[in-house]
Protein backbone atom coordinates (compact mmCIF):
# COMPACT_ATOMS: atom_id res chain seq x y z
CA MET A 1 11.92 9.63 -1.77
CA ALA A 2 9.94 8.38 1.24
CA ALA A 3 13.16 7.99 3.20
CA GLY A 4 14.04 11.63 2.51
CA TYR A 5 10.63 12.80 3.73
CA ASN A 6 10.99 10.66 6.85
CA VAL A 7 14.44 12.12 7.57
CA VAL A 8 13.05 15.68 7.35
CA ARG A 9 10.10 14.71 9.58
CA CYS A 10 12.35 13.13 12.20
CA VAL A 11 14.72 16.12 12.20
CA ALA A 12 11.79 18.47 12.62
CA ILE A 13 10.41 16.45 15.54
CA GLY A 14 13.84 16.35 17.15
CA CYS A 15 14.18 20.10 16.86
CA LEU A 16 10.76 20.62 18.44
CA MET A 17 11.14 18.35 21.47
CA MET A 18 13.36 20.54 23.67
CA PRO A 19 11.25 23.71 23.26
CA LEU A 20 8.04 21.70 23.79
CA ILE A 21 9.34 20.10 27.00
CA THR A 22 10.48 23.57 28.21
CA TRP A 23 7.13 25.08 27.31
CA GLY A 24 5.24 22.23 28.98
CA THR A 25 7.21 22.40 32.20
CA SER A 26 7.06 26.21 32.37
CA TYR A 27 3.51 25.87 33.79
CA VAL A 28 4.71 23.58 36.62
CA GLU A 29 5.73 24.67 40.12
CA GLY A 30 9.51 24.67 40.53
CA ALA A 31 9.58 21.76 42.98
CA LEU A 32 7.68 19.55 40.52
CA VAL A 33 9.74 20.26 37.34
CA ALA A 34 11.74 17.03 37.63
CA ASP A 35 8.53 14.98 37.99
CA ALA A 36 6.92 16.80 35.09
CA THR A 37 9.95 16.22 32.84
CA ALA A 38 9.97 12.52 33.70
CA LEU A 39 6.20 12.29 33.04
CA LEU A 40 6.48 14.08 29.69
CA THR A 41 9.39 11.92 28.64
CA SER A 42 7.49 8.76 29.60
CA LEU A 43 4.36 9.89 27.78
CA ARG A 44 6.39 10.80 24.70
CA THR A 45 7.90 7.29 24.65
CA ILE A 46 4.53 5.60 25.10
CA ALA A 47 2.86 7.80 22.47
CA GLY A 48 5.69 7.03 20.05
CA ALA A 49 5.24 3.30 20.57
CA ILE A 50 1.47 3.51 20.13
CA GLY A 51 1.83 5.77 17.05
CA SER A 52 4.31 3.39 15.47
CA ALA A 53 1.99 0.44 15.99
CA VAL A 54 -1.00 2.35 14.64
CA PHE A 55 0.84 3.53 11.50
CA VAL A 56 2.37 0.13 10.80
CA GLY A 57 -1.12 -1.32 11.19
CA ILE A 58 -2.51 1.21 8.71
CA MET A 59 0.29 0.51 6.27
CA SER A 60 -0.18 -3.31 6.52
CA LEU A 61 -3.96 -3.10 6.18
CA VAL A 62 -3.83 -0.81 3.11
CA GLU A 63 -1.14 -2.99 1.56
CA GLU A 64 -3.22 -6.11 2.14
CA ARG A 65 -6.45 -4.61 0.85
CA SER A 66 -4.91 -3.02 -2.25
CA ALA A 67 -2.68 -5.91 -3.37
CA SER A 68 -5.15 -6.93 -6.05
CA VAL A 69 -5.21 -3.41 -7.56
CA TYR A 70 -1.54 -2.38 -7.10
CA GLY A 71 0.17 -5.72 -7.31
CA THR A 72 3.83 -5.48 -6.20
CA ALA A 73 3.43 -1.73 -5.60
CA ALA A 74 0.85 -2.33 -2.88
CA GLY A 75 3.52 -1.87 -0.19
CA MET A 76 4.43 1.57 -1.54
CA HIS A 77 0.76 2.46 -1.71
CA GLY A 78 0.37 1.52 1.93
CA LEU A 79 3.38 3.67 2.80
CA ASN A 80 1.93 6.64 0.89
CA VAL A 81 -1.43 6.30 2.63
CA THR A 82 0.35 6.09 6.00
CA PHE A 83 2.32 9.27 5.32
CA GLY A 84 -0.94 10.91 4.25
CA CYS A 85 -2.47 9.90 7.59
CA MET A 86 0.55 11.34 9.42
CA ALA A 87 0.18 14.59 7.46
CA ALA A 88 -3.55 14.76 8.33
CA GLY A 89 -2.73 14.17 12.00
CA THR A 90 -0.15 16.97 11.82
CA VAL A 91 -2.69 19.40 10.33
CA ILE A 92 -5.20 18.54 13.04
CA LEU A 93 -2.63 19.05 15.81
CA LEU A 94 -1.55 22.38 14.28
CA LEU A 95 -5.17 23.53 14.21
CA ILE A 96 -5.57 22.52 17.86
CA ALA A 97 -2.38 24.37 18.76
CA GLY A 98 -3.47 27.46 16.84
CA VAL A 99 -6.85 27.57 18.48
CA GLY A 100 -5.95 26.22 21.93
CA VAL A 101 -2.75 28.09 22.69
CA ARG A 102 -3.07 31.78 23.49
CA THR A 103 0.08 33.87 23.69
CA GLY A 104 0.62 35.55 27.04
CA GLN A 105 -2.15 33.66 28.82
CA GLU A 106 -1.56 30.92 31.31
CA ILE A 107 -4.68 28.92 30.53
CA TYR A 108 -3.35 25.61 31.85
CA LYS A 109 -1.59 26.82 34.97
CA THR A 110 -2.90 25.49 38.28
CA ASP A 111 -1.83 26.08 41.80
CA PHE A 112 -0.84 23.05 43.85
């Protein structure tokens, strides 16, 4: 079941990346688009590595702390808590996007 949820999550992230990169670079001057794309790709890779480390840390910590209560199912409990943390992060980011992004306004555009 968890693998199925993870597949759906990964497909959704994959489908979002190209439009997000396009949207992010649309506010950049034409001569700097290649640099902006490289920066966004690098930041995405770094954020993915940090996120993976944080979520594996959460999973391991919850598993370790709940072993006395859940026994052999402590690993699954840690995984469930980790997916819950991912869902909470998603909700927070959606709220930020809903409040922070205004259609038709170039609120982040700067002139270089």
